[in-house]
């Protein structure tokens, strides 16, 4: 995206090196999964003995899906960088429709089979189809994507350095999500994992609206930085942060107020802690989404070493702080309280770094973004709160 924003950019060379790097990363991760990953799954995870073989199959299916998606990253990125959102939207809708068909098949097929085996197998087939679609489209529409994986010392050095430092933030994100899920498994077992899974599903569905919006907005932020148009970039940061927050808030307010009723409609009976997890995870998302445009602007500079050491290091504290809280006997919900506090600290650090990196005014961001979304959130929650406390539980109130 940065190369496309430059007058003399060379996106083809970037693409060929990106493809080479992702092939190398896929091989490294595959080795890690098949050694440490298998050991941890079979020796440390709390899984019923009679389901270990299925758990291992699902693990291997997940590894294969991850490798396929990793290799496909440069092609998906090329579509987004060229802002071909029609194609991106079409393939996204196709993927969702295929998932829906697979879920309905697994749930209502008139013959018996192990659903935990069939579903990931179908998902692997879907992943291959989607990635092949991206590959064919990029090869036919973007000249730079016809390059083969190639090692270019200059580009590789810059991109690999960027990837190494960015790895800190990526690792922190994994620890915040799957790492916390493993902690909950070790301390409380699979029932709490089920509640975490319910909350994650609801949060993913809500967060998808803001995610799709940011997918369309991110290339513009990067290109405006590359072309030196700071005023336009700041306006995108302002509107992107606010609108992303509002998109989640629209769904978060009713879901947070009527979580128990929504879960009862959706699942009937649901695991303990599900209601608290959904509410707290949505609160975490509302805080984190404010930073999306800040992250994109920071990434566009390419100077991420100090930023990742500070912000990525702080984000990594989710895991040890959560472990300490659970070790001290706190409720499972404590991991989300930790995530909220760490998220606020990371937001402050991002503003401090961007003030130096791109000249972003902290007072402007606090006034133009944070104050405005706070006022909107309070105003938007007033009537739903009144309805929630004034009307009896049930369909009418919801």
Protein backbone atom coordinates (compact mmCIF):
# COMPACT_ATOMS: atom_id res chain seq x y z
CA UNK A 1 0.00 0.00 0.00
CA UNK A 2 2.84 2.37 0.83
CA UNK A 3 4.54 1.65 -2.52
CA UNK A 4 1.29 2.36 -4.39
CA UNK A 5 1.09 5.72 -2.60
CA UNK A 6 4.57 6.73 -3.80
CA UNK A 7 5.11 8.29 -7.20
CA UNK A 8 7.98 5.90 -7.98
CA UNK A 9 6.80 2.87 -5.98
CA UNK A 10 7.63 -0.71 -6.94
CA UNK A 11 4.76 -2.85 -5.61
CA UNK A 12 5.85 -5.87 -7.69
CA UNK A 13 9.15 -6.22 -5.84
CA UNK A 14 7.39 -5.82 -2.50
CA UNK A 15 4.88 -8.51 -3.45
CA UNK A 16 7.50 -11.06 -4.54
CA UNK A 17 9.46 -10.54 -1.33
CA UNK A 18 6.29 -10.66 0.77
CA UNK A 19 5.40 -13.99 -0.79
CA UNK A 20 8.90 -15.33 -0.09
CA UNK A 21 8.76 -14.14 3.54
CA UNK A 22 5.34 -15.66 4.14
CA UNK A 23 6.49 -19.02 2.75
CA UNK A 24 9.42 -18.95 5.17
CA UNK A 25 7.19 -17.93 8.08
CA UNK A 26 4.71 -20.68 7.24
CA UNK A 27 7.53 -23.26 7.37
CA UNK A 28 8.79 -21.93 10.72
CA UNK A 29 5.33 -21.91 12.29
CA UNK A 30 4.62 -25.40 10.91
CA UNK A 31 7.74 -26.70 12.67
CA UNK A 32 6.72 -25.00 15.93
CA UNK A 33 3.18 -26.39 15.78
CA UNK A 34 4.31 -29.93 15.04
CA UNK A 35 6.79 -29.97 17.92
CA UNK A 36 5.91 -27.74 20.87
CA UNK A 37 2.26 -27.41 19.82
CA UNK A 38 1.64 -31.17 19.75
CA UNK A 39 3.43 -31.62 23.07
CA UNK A 40 1.37 -28.91 24.76
CA UNK A 41 -1.90 -30.25 23.34
CA UNK A 42 -1.30 -33.81 24.49
CA UNK A 43 0.49 -33.17 27.78
CA UNK A 44 -0.95 -29.94 29.22
CA UNK A 45 -4.43 -29.23 27.85
CA UNK A 46 -7.45 -30.46 29.85
CA UNK A 47 -9.28 -32.69 27.33
CA UNK A 48 -11.28 -35.90 27.95
CA UNK A 49 -9.13 -38.95 27.16
CA UNK A 50 -11.68 -40.46 24.78
CA UNK A 51 -11.59 -37.29 22.64
CA UNK A 52 -7.82 -36.86 22.38
CA UNK A 53 -7.68 -38.40 18.89
CA UNK A 54 -10.35 -35.98 17.68
CA UNK A 55 -8.56 -33.07 19.37
CA UNK A 56 -5.37 -34.01 17.52
CA UNK A 57 -7.22 -34.16 14.20
CA UNK A 58 -8.79 -30.74 14.79
CA UNK A 59 -5.34 -29.42 15.73
CA UNK A 60 -3.80 -30.69 12.49
CA UNK A 61 -6.71 -29.29 10.49
CA UNK A 62 -6.19 -25.94 12.17
CA UNK A 63 -2.47 -26.04 11.35
CA UNK A 64 -3.22 -26.71 7.68
CA UNK A 65 -5.82 -23.93 7.56
CA UNK A 66 -3.32 -21.55 9.14
CA UNK A 67 -0.61 -22.43 6.61
CA UNK A 68 -3.02 -21.91 3.70
CA UNK A 69 -4.16 -18.53 5.02
CA UNK A 70 -0.57 -17.45 5.77
CA UNK A 71 0.61 -18.13 2.23
CA UNK A 72 -2.46 -16.31 0.90
CA UNK A 73 -1.82 -13.11 2.89
CA UNK A 74 0.11 -11.29 0.10
CA UNK A 75 -2.73 -11.92 -2.38
CA UNK A 76 -5.44 -10.72 0.01
CA UNK A 77 -3.29 -7.71 0.87
CA UNK A 78 -2.85 -6.87 -2.82
CA UNK A 79 -6.63 -6.74 -3.32
CA UNK A 80 -7.03 -4.43 -0.30
CA UNK A 81 -4.04 -2.25 -1.26
CA UNK A 82 -5.50 -1.69 -4.72
CA UNK A 83 -8.84 -0.91 -3.00
CA UNK A 84 -10.77 -3.50 -5.00
CA UNK A 85 -13.40 -3.70 -2.30
CA UNK A 86 -15.99 -5.17 -4.67
CA UNK A 87 -13.90 -8.32 -5.02
CA UNK A 88 -12.98 -8.33 -1.35
CA UNK A 89 -16.66 -8.01 -0.39
CA UNK A 90 -17.77 -10.70 -2.85
CA UNK A 91 -15.24 -13.24 -1.60
CA UNK A 92 -16.04 -12.28 1.99
CA UNK A 93 -19.76 -12.87 1.44
CA UNK A 94 -18.99 -16.13 -0.37
CA UNK A 95 -16.91 -17.29 2.58
CA UNK A 96 -19.70 -16.47 5.05
CA UNK A 97 -22.32 -18.25 2.90
CA UNK A 98 -20.11 -21.35 2.66
CA UNK A 99 -19.63 -21.34 6.44
CA UNK A 100 -23.39 -21.09 6.93
CA UNK A 101 -24.02 -24.00 4.56
CA UNK A 102 -21.41 -26.11 6.37
CA UNK A 103 -22.88 -25.31 9.79
CA UNK A 104 -26.39 -26.21 8.62
CA UNK A 105 -25.08 -29.42 7.07
CA UNK A 106 -23.27 -30.45 10.24
CA UNK A 107 -26.31 -29.61 12.39
CA UNK A 108 -29.09 -31.14 10.30
CA UNK A 109 -27.55 -33.82 8.05
CA UNK A 110 -29.75 -36.98 8.26
CA UNK A 111 -26.85 -39.34 9.04
CA UNK A 112 -24.43 -39.80 11.90
CA UNK A 113 -20.83 -38.59 11.85
CA UNK A 114 -18.38 -36.94 14.21
CA UNK A 115 -19.13 -33.23 13.81
CA UNK A 116 -15.73 -32.19 15.22
CA UNK A 117 -14.05 -34.11 12.41
CA UNK A 118 -16.32 -33.18 9.50
CA UNK A 119 -16.59 -29.45 10.19
CA UNK A 120 -12.84 -28.61 10.17
CA UNK A 121 -12.44 -30.75 7.05
CA UNK A 122 -15.08 -28.68 5.28
CA UNK A 123 -13.43 -25.50 6.52
CA UNK A 124 -10.09 -26.57 5.01
CA UNK A 125 -11.79 -27.05 1.64
CA UNK A 126 -13.39 -23.62 1.92
CA UNK A 127 -10.04 -22.01 2.78
CA UNK A 128 -8.39 -23.55 -0.27
CA UNK A 129 -11.21 -22.34 -2.56
CA UNK A 130 -11.12 -18.78 -1.21
CA UNK A 131 -7.33 -18.50 -1.41
CA UNK A 132 -7.29 -19.88 -4.98
CA UNK A 133 -9.89 -17.25 -5.90
CA UNK A 134 -7.63 -14.49 -4.55
CA UNK A 135 -4.66 -15.98 -6.40
CA UNK A 136 -6.45 -16.12 -9.79
CA UNK A 137 -7.87 -12.61 -9.39
CA UNK A 138 -4.51 -11.05 -8.46
CA UNK A 139 -2.67 -12.84 -11.26
CA UNK A 140 -5.20 -11.60 -13.83
CA UNK A 141 -5.66 -8.00 -12.60
CA UNK A 142 -2.43 -6.83 -10.97
CA UNK A 143 0.79 -6.97 -12.93
CA UNK A 144 2.89 -6.83 -9.76
CA UNK A 145 1.26 -10.04 -8.49
CA UNK A 146 2.59 -12.11 -11.38
CA UNK A 147 6.00 -12.19 -9.75
CA UNK A 148 7.27 -15.39 -8.21
CA UNK A 149 8.64 -15.60 -4.66
CA UNK A 150 11.97 -13.81 -4.84
CA UNK A 151 14.68 -12.78 -2.43
CA UNK A 152 15.75 -9.16 -2.87
CA UNK A 153 18.33 -8.18 -0.26
CA UNK A 154 17.30 -4.53 0.08
CA UNK A 155 13.55 -5.09 0.24
CA UNK A 156 13.95 -8.26 2.29
CA UNK A 157 16.07 -6.45 4.90
CA UNK A 158 13.49 -3.68 5.33
CA UNK A 159 10.47 -5.99 5.29
CA UNK A 160 12.03 -8.63 7.53
CA UNK A 161 13.11 -5.99 10.03
CA UNK A 162 9.57 -4.63 10.04
CA UNK A 163 8.17 -8.15 10.48
CA UNK A 164 10.52 -8.99 13.34
CA UNK A 165 9.52 -5.95 15.36
CA UNK A 166 5.86 -6.35 14.40
CA UNK A 167 6.10 -9.92 15.69
CA UNK A 168 6.03 -8.50 19.22
CA UNK A 169 2.60 -6.99 18.68
CA UNK A 170 1.32 -10.08 16.89
CA UNK A 171 2.52 -12.34 19.71
CA UNK A 172 0.87 -10.04 22.24
CA UNK A 173 -2.41 -10.32 20.32
CA UNK A 174 -2.20 -14.12 20.34
CA UNK A 175 -1.45 -14.19 24.07
CA UNK A 176 -4.36 -11.84 24.71
CA UNK A 177 -6.77 -14.11 22.84
CA UNK A 178 -5.73 -17.74 22.72
CA UNK A 179 -3.23 -17.40 25.57
CA UNK A 180 -5.94 -16.23 27.96
CA UNK A 181 -8.19 -19.02 26.72
CA UNK A 182 -5.48 -21.57 27.61
CA UNK A 183 -5.07 -20.00 31.05
CA UNK A 184 -8.80 -20.36 31.65
CA UNK A 185 -8.54 -23.99 30.58
CA UNK A 186 -5.67 -24.69 32.97
CA UNK A 187 -7.40 -23.01 35.93
CA UNK A 188 -11.10 -23.82 35.33
CA UNK A 189 -11.41 -26.48 32.62
CA UNK A 190 -13.49 -26.78 29.46
CA UNK A 191 -16.76 -25.33 30.83
CA UNK A 192 -15.22 -21.87 31.17
CA UNK A 193 -13.59 -22.35 27.74
CA UNK A 194 -17.08 -22.89 26.35
CA UNK A 195 -18.23 -19.59 27.88
CA UNK A 196 -15.18 -17.86 26.43
CA UNK A 197 -16.02 -19.36 23.03
CA UNK A 198 -19.58 -18.03 23.22
CA UNK A 199 -18.31 -14.55 24.10
CA UNK A 200 -15.71 -14.66 21.32
CA UNK A 201 -18.36 -15.62 18.75
CA UNK A 202 -20.62 -12.72 19.76
CA UNK A 203 -17.68 -10.32 19.84
CA UNK A 204 -16.43 -11.44 16.42
CA UNK A 205 -19.86 -10.93 14.89
CA UNK A 206 -20.12 -7.41 16.33
CA UNK A 207 -16.48 -6.51 15.65
CA UNK A 208 -16.77 -7.59 12.03
CA UNK A 209 -18.67 -4.41 11.16
CA UNK A 210 -15.84 -2.19 12.38
CA UNK A 211 -13.26 -4.55 10.89
CA UNK A 212 -14.74 -4.30 7.40
CA UNK A 213 -14.94 -0.53 7.71
CA UNK A 214 -11.26 -0.35 8.68
CA UNK A 215 -10.29 -2.67 5.83
CA UNK A 216 -11.59 -0.05 3.41
CA UNK A 217 -10.10 2.87 5.35
CA UNK A 218 -6.59 1.56 6.06
CA UNK A 219 -5.19 1.88 2.51
CA UNK A 220 -6.22 5.54 2.41
CA UNK A 221 -4.41 6.29 5.68
CA UNK A 222 -1.23 4.60 4.46
CA UNK A 223 -1.31 6.22 1.02
CA UNK A 224 -1.97 9.68 2.46
CA UNK A 225 1.09 9.29 4.71
CA UNK A 226 3.20 8.06 1.79
CA UNK A 227 2.17 11.08 -0.33
CA UNK A 228 2.78 13.53 2.54
CA UNK A 229 -0.86 14.61 2.90
CA UNK A 230 -0.89 14.80 6.73
CA UNK A 231 -4.08 16.89 6.99
CA UNK A 232 -6.10 14.26 5.13
CA UNK A 233 -4.49 11.50 7.18
CA UNK A 234 -5.48 13.20 10.46
CA UNK A 235 -9.07 13.58 9.23
CA UNK A 236 -9.14 9.85 8.43
CA UNK A 237 -7.77 9.03 11.89
CA UNK A 238 -10.47 11.19 13.47
CA UNK A 239 -13.40 9.82 11.51
CA UNK A 240 -12.10 6.25 11.46
CA UNK A 241 -11.73 6.05 15.24
CA UNK A 242 -15.16 7.56 15.89
CA UNK A 243 -17.11 5.65 13.27
CA UNK A 244 -15.49 2.32 14.23
CA UNK A 245 -16.51 2.93 17.83
CA UNK A 246 -20.07 3.85 16.80
CA UNK A 247 -20.43 0.74 14.63
CA UNK A 248 -19.66 -1.49 17.60
CA UNK A 249 -21.65 0.67 20.03
CA UNK A 250 -24.85 0.26 17.96
CA UNK A 251 -24.81 -3.48 18.70
CA UNK A 252 -22.93 -3.45 22.00
CA UNK A 253 -25.52 -1.43 23.97
CA UNK A 254 -28.51 -3.76 23.40
CA UNK A 255 -26.35 -6.88 23.66
CA UNK A 256 -24.75 -5.78 26.93
CA UNK A 257 -28.14 -4.93 28.45
CA UNK A 258 -29.98 -8.03 27.21
CA UNK A 259 -27.16 -10.57 27.12
CA UNK A 260 -28.99 -13.25 29.08
CA UNK A 261 -32.11 -13.05 26.90
CA UNK A 262 -30.15 -13.04 23.63
CA UNK A 263 -28.11 -16.07 24.72
CA UNK A 264 -31.27 -17.86 25.81
CA UNK A 265 -32.82 -17.28 22.38
CA UNK A 266 -29.63 -18.33 20.58
CA UNK A 267 -28.44 -21.27 22.69
CA UNK A 268 -31.24 -22.14 25.08
CA UNK A 269 -28.95 -23.24 27.90
CA UNK A 270 -25.55 -21.58 27.95
CA UNK A 271 -22.38 -22.12 30.04
CA UNK A 272 -21.76 -20.32 33.31
CA UNK A 273 -19.94 -16.97 32.99
CA UNK A 274 -21.19 -16.53 29.41
CA UNK A 275 -23.20 -13.38 30.23
CA UNK A 276 -20.36 -11.70 32.11
CA UNK A 277 -17.82 -12.72 29.44
CA UNK A 278 -19.91 -11.29 26.59
CA UNK A 279 -20.41 -7.97 28.35
CA UNK A 280 -16.79 -7.59 29.37
CA UNK A 281 -15.41 -8.69 26.00
CA UNK A 282 -17.59 -6.11 24.23
CA UNK A 283 -16.27 -3.46 26.63
CA UNK A 284 -12.70 -4.49 25.74
CA UNK A 285 -13.54 -4.21 22.02
CA UNK A 286 -15.00 -0.72 22.46
CA UNK A 287 -11.73 0.42 24.01
CA UNK A 288 -9.47 -1.37 21.54
CA UNK A 289 -11.30 -0.21 18.40
CA UNK A 290 -10.45 3.43 19.17
CA UNK A 291 -6.81 2.60 18.44
CA UNK A 292 -7.33 1.01 15.01
CA UNK A 293 -6.55 4.10 12.97
CA UNK A 294 -3.64 4.97 15.28
CA UNK A 295 -2.12 1.54 14.64
CA UNK A 296 -2.48 1.98 10.88
CA UNK A 297 -0.88 5.44 10.96
CA UNK A 298 2.00 4.17 13.06
CA UNK A 299 2.53 1.17 10.78
CA UNK A 300 2.63 3.45 7.73
CA UNK A 301 5.78 5.13 9.06
CA UNK A 302 7.68 1.84 9.02
CA UNK A 303 9.50 2.93 12.21
CA UNK A 304 8.08 0.47 14.67
CA UNK A 305 10.97 -0.81 16.82
CA UNK A 306 10.56 1.46 19.83
CA UNK A 307 6.79 1.52 19.42
CA UNK A 308 6.52 -2.27 19.48
CA UNK A 309 8.90 -2.57 22.42
CA UNK A 310 6.71 -0.20 24.44
CA UNK A 311 3.16 -0.84 23.22
CA UNK A 312 3.66 -4.49 22.29
CA UNK A 313 5.44 -5.06 25.58
CA UNK A 314 2.54 -3.50 27.49
CA UNK A 315 0.02 -5.57 25.50
CA UNK A 316 1.94 -8.72 26.42
CA UNK A 317 1.29 -7.95 30.08
CA UNK A 318 -2.25 -9.26 29.56
CA UNK A 319 -0.93 -12.80 29.94
CA UNK A 320 1.23 -12.54 33.10
CA UNK A 321 -1.18 -10.14 34.85
CA UNK A 322 -4.09 -12.48 34.10
CA UNK A 323 -2.08 -15.44 35.36
CA UNK A 324 -1.30 -13.61 38.59
CA UNK A 325 -4.95 -12.64 39.06
CA UNK A 326 -6.15 -16.22 38.54
CA UNK A 327 -3.36 -17.60 40.74
CA UNK A 328 -4.54 -15.29 43.52
CA UNK A 329 -7.99 -16.84 43.28
CA UNK A 330 -9.84 -14.19 41.29
CA UNK A 331 -12.93 -14.95 39.22
CA UNK A 332 -12.46 -15.90 35.53
CA UNK A 333 -13.90 -12.48 34.68
CA UNK A 334 -10.74 -10.89 36.08
CA UNK A 335 -8.90 -11.57 32.80
CA UNK A 336 -11.18 -9.05 31.07
CA UNK A 337 -10.64 -6.42 33.74
CA UNK A 338 -6.92 -6.84 33.12
CA UNK A 339 -7.52 -6.47 29.36
CA UNK A 340 -9.48 -3.22 29.88
CA UNK A 341 -6.73 -1.67 32.00
CA UNK A 342 -3.98 -2.77 29.62
CA UNK A 343 -6.01 -1.50 26.64
CA UNK A 344 -6.28 1.98 28.18
CA UNK A 345 -2.53 2.00 28.92
CA UNK A 346 -1.76 0.99 25.31
CA UNK A 347 -4.00 3.77 23.96
CA UNK A 348 -2.07 6.33 26.01
CA UNK A 349 1.27 4.96 24.80
CA UNK A 350 0.14 5.07 21.17
CA UNK A 351 -0.79 8.73 21.50
CA UNK A 352 2.58 9.53 23.08
CA UNK A 353 4.51 7.80 20.28
CA UNK A 354 2.42 9.23 17.43
CA UNK A 355 2.92 12.74 18.77
CA UNK A 356 6.62 12.30 17.98
CA UNK A 357 6.29 10.12 14.87
CA UNK A 358 3.65 11.98 12.82
CA UNK A 359 2.94 15.11 14.84
CA UNK A 360 -0.41 13.92 16.17
CA UNK A 361 -1.69 16.26 18.89
CA UNK A 362 -2.80 14.42 22.03
CA UNK A 363 -5.09 17.29 23.07
CA UNK A 364 -6.70 17.27 19.61
CA UNK A 365 -7.33 13.51 19.77
CA UNK A 366 -8.72 13.72 23.30
CA UNK A 367 -11.04 16.57 22.32
CA UNK A 368 -12.03 15.54 18.80
CA UNK A 369 -12.27 11.78 19.31
CA UNK A 370 -12.41 10.61 22.92
CA UNK A 371 -14.65 13.37 24.27
CA UNK A 372 -17.08 13.08 21.36
CA UNK A 373 -17.43 9.30 21.55
CA UNK A 374 -17.89 9.53 25.33
CA UNK A 375 -20.74 12.01 24.90
CA UNK A 376 -22.32 9.88 22.17
CA UNK A 377 -22.01 6.70 24.26
CA UNK A 378 -23.67 8.31 27.29
CA UNK A 379 -26.47 9.80 25.18
CA UNK A 380 -27.04 6.57 23.24
CA UNK A 381 -27.21 4.43 26.40
CA UNK A 382 -29.69 6.65 28.26
CA UNK A 383 -32.94 5.45 26.66
CA UNK A 384 -31.97 1.73 26.49
CA UNK A 385 -31.00 1.86 30.18
CA UNK A 386 -34.34 3.44 31.07
CA UNK A 387 -36.18 0.75 29.11
CA UNK A 388 -34.06 -2.00 30.68
CA UNK A 389 -34.85 -0.97 34.25
CA UNK A 390 -38.45 0.17 33.69
CA UNK A 391 -39.82 -2.85 31.78
CA UNK A 392 -40.05 -6.50 32.85
CA UNK A 393 -37.68 -9.11 31.41
CA UNK A 394 -38.80 -10.65 28.12
CA UNK A 395 -39.34 -10.26 24.41
CA UNK A 396 -41.10 -6.89 24.66
CA UNK A 397 -38.20 -5.24 26.50
CA UNK A 398 -35.58 -6.75 24.23
